[in-house]
C-alpha cells in the first residue's frame, strides 16, 4: 500500500510539472515520461495481483535490470530538469 502511494505521488508530481510548464515540448515530454512510469507500475502491479498475464515489465526503482534502471533514472532526471527550468522565461 505504501509503495502504491509513493508511485501515485511520483505520477502526480510528473503531471504537476507538465501542467506548470510553459514550453510545449517540456509539457509533452513530461506527460510522456509520467505515462511511461504509470504504465510500467500499472502493468507490474496487475501482474502481481493476477489480473494480467505475466510479461517482462519490471517495477520502476524496485526490479533490478540494467537497462530498465538506467532508463527510469534518466527519465526522472529529465523530469527534474523540466521542473527546474519550467519558470525560466526566454528573452
Protein backbone atom coordinates (compact mmCIF):
# COMPACT_ATOMS: atom_id res chain seq x y z
CA UNK A 1 0.00 0.00 0.00
CA UNK A 2 2.84 2.37 0.82
CA UNK A 3 4.57 1.52 -2.45
CA UNK A 4 1.43 2.34 -4.44
CA UNK A 5 1.15 5.65 -2.56
CA UNK A 6 4.77 6.52 -3.38
CA UNK A 7 4.21 5.79 -7.07
CA UNK A 8 1.00 7.87 -7.02
CA UNK A 9 2.94 10.80 -5.56
CA UNK A 10 5.59 10.40 -8.29
CA UNK A 11 2.92 10.37 -11.02
CA UNK A 12 1.10 13.39 -9.57
CA UNK A 13 4.45 15.21 -9.34
CA UNK A 14 5.16 14.49 -13.01
CA UNK A 15 1.72 15.69 -14.11
CA UNK A 16 2.10 18.81 -11.96
CA UNK A 17 5.35 19.57 -13.79
CA UNK A 18 3.58 19.13 -17.12
CA UNK A 19 0.73 21.40 -16.06
CA UNK A 20 3.02 24.20 -14.91
CA UNK A 21 5.43 24.08 -17.84
CA UNK A 22 5.37 26.99 -20.29
CA UNK A 23 7.24 25.18 -23.04
CA UNK A 24 5.05 22.86 -25.17
CA UNK A 25 7.92 20.43 -25.72
CA UNK A 26 8.56 20.21 -21.99
CA UNK A 27 4.87 19.60 -21.38
CA UNK A 28 4.66 16.77 -23.91
CA UNK A 29 7.93 15.24 -22.71
CA UNK A 30 6.92 15.29 -19.05
CA UNK A 31 3.49 13.79 -19.82
CA UNK A 32 5.18 11.06 -21.85
CA UNK A 33 7.71 10.22 -19.15
CA UNK A 34 4.98 10.19 -16.50
CA UNK A 35 2.77 7.97 -18.66
CA UNK A 36 5.64 5.55 -19.21
CA UNK A 37 6.23 5.24 -15.46
CA UNK A 38 2.48 4.90 -14.82
CA UNK A 39 2.01 2.09 -17.32
CA UNK A 40 5.04 0.18 -16.03
CA UNK A 41 3.69 0.40 -12.48
CA UNK A 42 0.14 -0.47 -13.56
CA UNK A 43 1.17 -3.49 -15.61
CA UNK A 44 3.55 -4.81 -12.95
CA UNK A 45 1.04 -4.47 -10.10
CA UNK A 46 -1.66 -6.05 -12.27
CA UNK A 47 0.65 -8.99 -12.99
CA UNK A 48 1.38 -9.48 -9.30
CA UNK A 49 -2.35 -9.41 -8.45
CA UNK A 50 -3.09 -11.90 -11.23
CA UNK A 51 -5.21 -9.52 -13.32
CA UNK A 52 -2.88 -9.59 -16.33
CA UNK A 53 -0.65 -12.25 -17.83
CA UNK A 54 2.95 -12.28 -16.70
CA UNK A 55 5.24 -10.36 -19.06
CA UNK A 56 8.71 -8.94 -18.56
CA UNK A 57 7.79 -5.44 -17.35
CA UNK A 58 9.85 -4.51 -14.28
CA UNK A 59 8.60 -2.37 -11.41
CA UNK A 60 10.39 1.01 -11.60
CA UNK A 61 13.05 1.55 -8.90
CA UNK A 62 12.40 -1.92 -7.42
CA UNK A 63 13.13 -4.58 -10.03
CA UNK A 64 16.76 -5.00 -10.95
CA UNK A 65 17.54 -4.74 -14.61
CA UNK A 66 20.37 -2.79 -16.16
CA UNK A 67 18.57 -1.03 -18.98
CA UNK A 68 15.35 -0.55 -17.00
CA UNK A 69 17.09 1.14 -14.08
CA UNK A 70 19.12 3.32 -16.43
CA UNK A 71 16.03 4.35 -18.40
CA UNK A 72 13.93 5.17 -15.34
CA UNK A 73 16.73 7.18 -13.71
CA UNK A 74 17.26 9.10 -16.95
CA UNK A 75 13.54 9.82 -17.21
CA UNK A 76 13.35 11.08 -13.62
CA UNK A 77 16.39 13.26 -14.32
CA UNK A 78 14.60 14.71 -17.35
CA UNK A 79 11.54 15.42 -15.17
CA UNK A 80 13.74 17.16 -12.60
CA UNK A 81 15.37 19.25 -15.34
CA UNK A 82 11.99 20.28 -16.74
CA UNK A 83 10.82 21.11 -13.22
CA UNK A 84 13.87 23.26 -12.60
CA UNK A 85 13.56 25.17 -15.88
CA UNK A 86 9.78 25.50 -16.23
CA UNK A 87 9.65 29.00 -14.77
CA UNK A 88 12.53 30.41 -16.83
CA UNK A 89 11.30 32.83 -19.49
CA UNK A 90 13.42 33.03 -22.64
CA UNK A 91 14.08 36.54 -23.93
